[in-house]
Protein backbone atom coordinates (compact mmCIF):
# COMPACT_ATOMS: atom_id res chain seq x y z
CA MET A 1 -67.43 20.55 15.57
CA ASN A 2 -63.81 19.34 16.71
CA ALA A 3 -61.06 18.85 14.98
CA SER A 4 -59.51 15.55 15.40
CA PRO A 5 -56.00 14.85 16.15
CA LEU A 6 -55.35 12.34 14.34
CA PRO A 7 -54.83 14.47 11.28
CA ALA A 8 -52.44 16.94 13.12
CA LEU A 9 -50.31 14.23 14.14
CA HIS A 10 -50.10 12.12 10.46
CA ARG A 11 -49.23 15.85 9.28
CA SER A 12 -46.64 15.41 11.07
CA GLU A 13 -45.15 11.88 10.59
CA THR A 14 -45.85 12.62 6.31
CA VAL A 15 -43.40 15.87 7.88
CA ALA A 16 -41.08 14.28 9.20
CA SER A 17 -40.44 12.00 6.44
CA ALA A 18 -39.94 14.30 3.81
CA CYS A 19 -37.70 15.78 6.31
CA LEU A 20 -35.70 12.50 7.06
CA VAL A 21 -36.07 11.91 3.10
CA PHE A 22 -34.51 15.20 2.06
CA ALA A 23 -31.51 15.23 4.41
CA ILE A 24 -30.31 11.31 3.49
CA TRP A 25 -30.34 12.47 -0.13
CA LEU A 26 -28.57 15.59 0.70
CA LEU A 27 -25.63 13.94 1.88
CA LEU A 28 -25.75 11.22 -0.34
CA GLY A 29 -25.61 14.10 -3.03
CA CYS A 30 -22.63 15.41 -1.61
CA LEU A 31 -20.58 12.84 -0.56
CA GLY A 32 -20.71 11.47 -3.91
CA PRO A 33 -21.37 8.16 -4.69
CA GLY A 34 -17.35 7.49 -4.19
CA VAL A 35 -17.42 7.99 -0.33
CA LEU A 36 -19.85 4.91 -0.47
CA GLN A 37 -17.77 2.63 -2.54
CA ALA A 38 -14.91 0.53 -0.60
CA LYS A 39 -11.38 0.77 -1.87
CA PRO A 40 -10.35 -2.04 -4.02
CA LYS A 41 -8.07 -4.68 -2.40
CA THR A 42 -4.62 -4.94 -3.61
CA ASP A 43 -1.89 -7.52 -3.93
CA LYS A 44 1.87 -7.42 -4.45
CA PHE A 45 3.92 -9.04 -7.36
CA GLU A 46 7.27 -8.96 -6.77
CA GLY A 47 10.13 -9.95 -9.56
CA THR A 48 12.33 -8.18 -12.13
CA VAL A 49 11.11 -6.44 -14.96
CA VAL A 50 11.35 -8.09 -18.83
CA VAL A 51 9.19 -5.98 -20.45
CA VAL A 52 8.90 -2.13 -20.40
CA GLY A 53 6.31 -0.89 -22.25
CA PRO A 54 4.30 2.41 -23.07
CA LYS A 55 0.88 0.47 -21.92
CA ALA A 56 1.90 -2.46 -19.55
CA ILE A 57 5.15 -3.94 -17.16
CA THR A 58 5.88 -7.39 -17.85
CA VAL A 59 7.67 -8.67 -15.03
CA LYS A 60 9.53 -11.97 -14.14
CA SER A 61 8.09 -13.91 -10.34
CA ARG A 62 11.31 -13.58 -7.99
CA ASN A 63 10.31 -16.70 -6.41
CA ASN A 64 9.06 -18.52 -9.53
CA ILE A 65 10.94 -18.57 -12.73
CA TYR A 66 8.54 -19.77 -14.70
CA LEU A 67 5.63 -17.64 -13.92
CA VAL A 68 5.91 -14.13 -15.53
CA ARG A 69 2.82 -11.20 -14.95
CA THR A 70 1.77 -8.38 -17.23
CA PHE A 71 -0.04 -5.46 -15.80
CA HIS A 72 -1.64 -3.17 -17.61
CA TYR A 73 -1.16 0.75 -15.74
CA SER A 74 -3.80 2.58 -13.80
CA PRO A 75 -4.22 6.09 -15.47
CA GLN A 76 -2.35 7.83 -13.00
CA LEU A 77 0.11 5.03 -13.06
CA GLU A 78 0.72 5.43 -16.27
CA LYS A 79 1.43 9.02 -16.51
CA LYS A 80 4.28 8.57 -14.08
CA ILE A 81 5.50 5.15 -16.28
CA LEU A 82 5.56 7.10 -19.01
CA ARG A 83 7.58 9.75 -17.20
CA LYS A 84 10.46 7.03 -16.27
CA LYS A 85 10.39 4.26 -16.97
CA PRO A 86 12.27 0.63 -14.59
CA GLU A 87 15.23 -0.38 -16.80
CA THR A 88 15.47 -4.27 -17.71
CA GLY A 89 16.11 -6.87 -14.81
CA LYS A 90 15.20 -4.02 -11.92
CA LYS A 91 14.14 -6.10 -9.65
CA VAL A 92 10.43 -4.10 -9.03
CA THR A 93 6.91 -4.50 -6.53
CA VAL A 94 3.38 -4.19 -8.73
CA HIS A 95 1.00 -3.19 -6.50
CA HIS A 96 -2.29 -4.53 -8.04
CA VAL A 97 -5.99 -5.21 -7.84
CA ARG A 98 -6.49 -8.31 -5.93
CA GLY A 99 -7.79 -10.71 -9.73
CA SER A 100 -7.16 -8.47 -11.80
CA ASP A 101 -4.26 -7.27 -13.76
CA LEU A 102 -4.08 -3.14 -13.40
CA ALA A 103 -1.49 -2.55 -11.55
CA LEU A 104 -1.11 0.88 -9.05
CA LYS A 105 2.11 0.47 -8.36
CA VAL A 106 4.88 0.24 -9.39
CA ASP A 107 7.57 0.34 -6.68
């Protein structure tokens, strides 16, 4: 009895599919989930410092005297601010995550 090529073809497709799945799994595992996530969009808020605390900074807008915002620090920024706090009344630019009050950088 002759063996038909169909089982061999089916087996090679299965092996190829398994190799492809393994390669994708390996690629995602090595790169990690952080590579696949996009960086959050950021905005700037320019103004003068009203209050600097250990967890947040309050800034009054340069353009609108009635606009005052408080931003909480990211963990990296918190360490930096604890070392060197901006003085009250100093002009600063706060880089924050769009749509939130999380400050990423204070210039």
